[in-house]
Amino acid sequence: MKKILSAILLILAMQSAWAIDLRDAKAQGLVGEGNDGYLAAVQQPASAEVKALVASVNSKRKAQFEKTARNTGTTVLQVSNRFHELAVQKTAPGHYYQDKSGRWNKK
């Protein structure tokens, strides 16, 4: 019985160490849509958990931007800029995005 209780307490303690997901990070105001089309940390310094999330999301975005640029005969910069425009439009109320000057705005 004592081992089971210890295991449950360990699992509960570990839950706070599990990686934050994108939806939660946006809802908490930790990350937002950067003006370059990539995800960015809103609060500095960012935690290791937020940095890891940003790196993971941005790696996937970069790959998609490169693929789209190749398929459309445009540049990665053009694709990422267009993505930013669309991402701002789709940003949920209460979430953050950067304007062209780099200021964070809450929608």
C-alpha atoms as a PDB file:
ATOM      1  CA  MET A   1       0.000   0.000   0.000  1.00  0.00           C
ATOM      2  CA  LYS A   2       2.812   2.372   0.874  1.00  0.00           C
ATOM      3  CA  LYS A   3       4.520   1.705  -2.486  1.00  0.00           C
ATOM      4  CA  ILE A   4       1.320   2.476  -4.392  1.00  0.00           C
ATOM      5  CA  LEU A   5       0.841   5.737  -2.513  1.00  0.00           C
ATOM      6  CA  SER A   6       4.460   6.684  -3.175  1.00  0.00           C
ATOM      7  CA  ALA A   7       4.054   5.910  -6.866  1.00  0.00           C
ATOM      8  CA  ILE A   8       0.888   8.027  -7.093  1.00  0.00           C
ATOM      9  CA  LEU A   9       2.587  10.938  -5.338  1.00  0.00           C
ATOM     10  CA  LEU A  10       5.552  10.625  -7.686  1.00  0.00           C
ATOM     11  CA  ILE A  11       3.267  10.684 -10.730  1.00  0.00           C
ATOM     12  CA  LEU A  12       1.456  13.751  -9.418  1.00  0.00           C
ATOM     13  CA  ALA A  13       4.755  15.518  -8.777  1.00  0.00           C
ATOM     14  CA  MET A  14       6.022  14.653 -12.244  1.00  0.00           C
ATOM     15  CA  GLN A  15       2.941  16.089 -13.963  1.00  0.00           C
ATOM     16  CA  SER A  16       4.183  19.608 -13.320  1.00  0.00           C
ATOM     17  CA  ALA A  17       7.457  18.685 -15.006  1.00  0.00           C
ATOM     18  CA  TRP A  18       5.787  17.493 -18.208  1.00  0.00           C
ATOM     19  CA  ALA A  19       6.194  19.754 -21.194  1.00  0.00           C
ATOM     20  CA  ILE A  20       3.655  22.505 -21.675  1.00  0.00           C
ATOM     21  CA  ASP A  21       1.671  22.344 -24.902  1.00  0.00           C
ATOM     22  CA  LEU A  22       1.194  25.159 -27.385  1.00  0.00           C
ATOM     23  CA  ARG A  23      -2.434  25.824 -26.506  1.00  0.00           C
ATOM     24  CA  ASP A  24      -1.681  26.144 -22.792  1.00  0.00           C
ATOM     25  CA  ALA A  25       1.394  28.274 -23.390  1.00  0.00           C
ATOM     26  CA  LYS A  26      -0.612  30.698 -25.540  1.00  0.00           C
ATOM     27  CA  ALA A  27      -3.473  30.787 -23.031  1.00  0.00           C
ATOM     28  CA  GLN A  28      -1.020  31.590 -20.234  1.00  0.00           C
ATOM     29  CA  GLY A  29       0.568  34.386 -22.268  1.00  0.00           C
ATOM     30  CA  LEU A  30       3.946  32.658 -22.346  1.00  0.00           C
ATOM     31  CA  VAL A  31       4.248  32.521 -26.141  1.00  0.00           C
ATOM     32  CA  GLY A  32       2.751  34.350 -29.076  1.00  0.00           C
ATOM     33  CA  GLU A  33       2.982  34.795 -32.800  1.00  0.00           C
ATOM     34  CA  GLY A  34       6.225  36.599 -33.607  1.00  0.00           C
ATOM     35  CA  ASN A  35       6.280  39.146 -36.417  1.00  0.00           C
ATOM     36  CA  ASP A  36       8.545  36.861 -38.450  1.00  0.00           C
ATOM     37  CA  GLY A  37       6.032  34.019 -38.699  1.00  0.00           C
ATOM     38  CA  TYR A  38       7.629  32.007 -35.943  1.00  0.00           C
ATOM     39  CA  LEU A  39       6.502  31.356 -32.393  1.00  0.00           C
ATOM     40  CA  ALA A  40       8.238  33.500 -29.772  1.00  0.00           C
ATOM     41  CA  ALA A  41       8.415  33.743 -26.009  1.00  0.00           C
ATOM     42  CA  VAL A  42       6.446  36.745 -24.758  1.00  0.00           C
ATOM     43  CA  GLN A  43       8.025  36.848 -21.314  1.00  0.00           C
ATOM     44  CA  GLN A  44      11.769  37.077 -20.855  1.00  0.00           C
ATOM     45  CA  PRO A  45      13.633  35.252 -19.607  1.00  0.00           C
ATOM     46  CA  ALA A  46      11.718  32.267 -20.879  1.00  0.00           C
ATOM     47  CA  SER A  47      11.792  29.006 -18.977  1.00  0.00           C
ATOM     48  CA  ALA A  48      13.572  25.990 -20.424  1.00  0.00           C
ATOM     49  CA  GLU A  49      10.161  24.425 -21.014  1.00  0.00           C
ATOM     50  CA  VAL A  50       8.972  27.411 -23.069  1.00  0.00           C
ATOM     51  CA  LYS A  51      12.256  27.546 -24.989  1.00  0.00           C
ATOM     52  CA  ALA A  52      11.893  23.866 -25.884  1.00  0.00           C
ATOM     53  CA  LEU A  53       8.312  24.383 -27.054  1.00  0.00           C
ATOM     54  CA  VAL A  54       9.305  27.381 -29.189  1.00  0.00           C
ATOM     55  CA  ALA A  55      12.205  25.457 -30.744  1.00  0.00           C
ATOM     56  CA  SER A  56      10.023  22.444 -31.530  1.00  0.00           C
ATOM     57  CA  VAL A  57       7.203  24.468 -33.105  1.00  0.00           C
ATOM     58  CA  ASN A  58       9.597  26.667 -35.060  1.00  0.00           C
ATOM     59  CA  SER A  59      11.493  23.697 -36.441  1.00  0.00           C
ATOM     60  CA  LYS A  60       8.257  22.376 -37.902  1.00  0.00           C
ATOM     61  CA  ARG A  61       7.234  25.789 -39.176  1.00  0.00           C
ATOM     62  CA  LYS A  62      10.592  26.336 -40.877  1.00  0.00           C
ATOM     63  CA  ALA A  63      10.316  22.994 -42.681  1.00  0.00           C
ATOM     64  CA  GLN A  64       6.799  23.866 -43.837  1.00  0.00           C
ATOM     65  CA  PHE A  65       7.831  27.373 -44.914  1.00  0.00           C
ATOM     66  CA  GLU A  66      10.709  25.932 -46.955  1.00  0.00           C
ATOM     67  CA  LYS A  67       8.450  23.349 -48.589  1.00  0.00           C
ATOM     68  CA  THR A  68       5.801  25.954 -49.421  1.00  0.00           C
ATOM     69  CA  ALA A  69       8.423  28.328 -50.844  1.00  0.00           C
ATOM     70  CA  ARG A  70       9.803  25.565 -53.104  1.00  0.00           C
ATOM     71  CA  ASN A  71       6.314  24.579 -54.270  1.00  0.00           C
ATOM     72  CA  THR A  72       5.195  28.133 -54.995  1.00  0.00           C
ATOM     73  CA  GLY A  73       8.403  29.619 -56.379  1.00  0.00           C
ATOM     74  CA  THR A  74       8.591  32.190 -53.602  1.00  0.00           C
ATOM     75  CA  THR A  75      11.014  32.803 -50.757  1.00  0.00           C
ATOM     76  CA  VAL A  76      10.874  31.524 -47.210  1.00  0.00           C
ATOM     77  CA  LEU A  77      10.652  35.148 -46.081  1.00  0.00           C
ATOM     78  CA  GLN A  78       7.575  35.750 -48.224  1.00  0.00           C
ATOM     79  CA  VAL A  79       5.941  32.589 -46.907  1.00  0.00           C
ATOM     80  CA  SER A  80       6.733  33.375 -43.262  1.00  0.00           C
ATOM     81  CA  ASN A  81       5.461  36.940 -43.633  1.00  0.00           C
ATOM     82  CA  ARG A  82       2.189  35.704 -45.104  1.00  0.00           C
ATOM     83  CA  PHE A  83       1.920  33.103 -42.355  1.00  0.00           C
ATOM     84  CA  HIS A  84       2.300  35.881 -39.765  1.00  0.00           C
ATOM     85  CA  GLU A  85      -0.549  37.845 -41.348  1.00  0.00           C
ATOM     86  CA  LEU A  86      -2.827  34.815 -41.258  1.00  0.00           C
ATOM     87  CA  ALA A  87      -1.733  33.820 -37.755  1.00  0.00           C
ATOM     88  CA  VAL A  88      -2.590  37.285 -36.415  1.00  0.00           C
ATOM     89  CA  GLN A  89      -6.036  37.048 -37.978  1.00  0.00           C
ATOM     90  CA  LYS A  90      -6.566  33.670 -36.311  1.00  0.00           C
ATOM     91  CA  THR A  91      -5.089  34.645 -32.948  1.00  0.00           C
ATOM     92  CA  ALA A  92      -7.646  34.004 -30.232  1.00  0.00           C
ATOM     93  CA  PRO A  93      -8.805  36.784 -27.932  1.00  0.00           C
ATOM     94  CA  GLY A  94      -6.448  37.092 -24.980  1.00  0.00           C
ATOM     95  CA  HIS A  95      -3.478  35.662 -26.884  1.00  0.00           C
ATOM     96  CA  TYR A  96      -0.407  37.626 -27.971  1.00  0.00           C
ATOM     97  CA  TYR A  97       1.092  38.580 -31.311  1.00  0.00           C
ATOM     98  CA  GLN A  98       3.884  40.924 -32.355  1.00  0.00           C
ATOM     99  CA  ASP A  99       3.261  43.904 -34.582  1.00  0.00           C
ATOM    100  CA  LYS A 100       5.748  44.842 -37.304  1.00  0.00           C
ATOM    101  CA  SER A 101       7.790  46.947 -34.855  1.00  0.00           C
ATOM    102  CA  GLY A 102       8.162  43.996 -32.472  1.00  0.00           C
ATOM    103  CA  ARG A 103       5.767  45.173 -29.755  1.00  0.00           C
ATOM    104  CA  TRP A 104       3.614  42.512 -28.140  1.00  0.00           C
ATOM    105  CA  ASN A 105      -0.132  43.068 -28.429  1.00  0.00           C
ATOM    106  CA  LYS A 106      -2.917  41.174 -26.703  1.00  0.00           C
ATOM    107  CA  LYS A 107      -5.852  40.450 -28.978  1.00  0.00           C
END
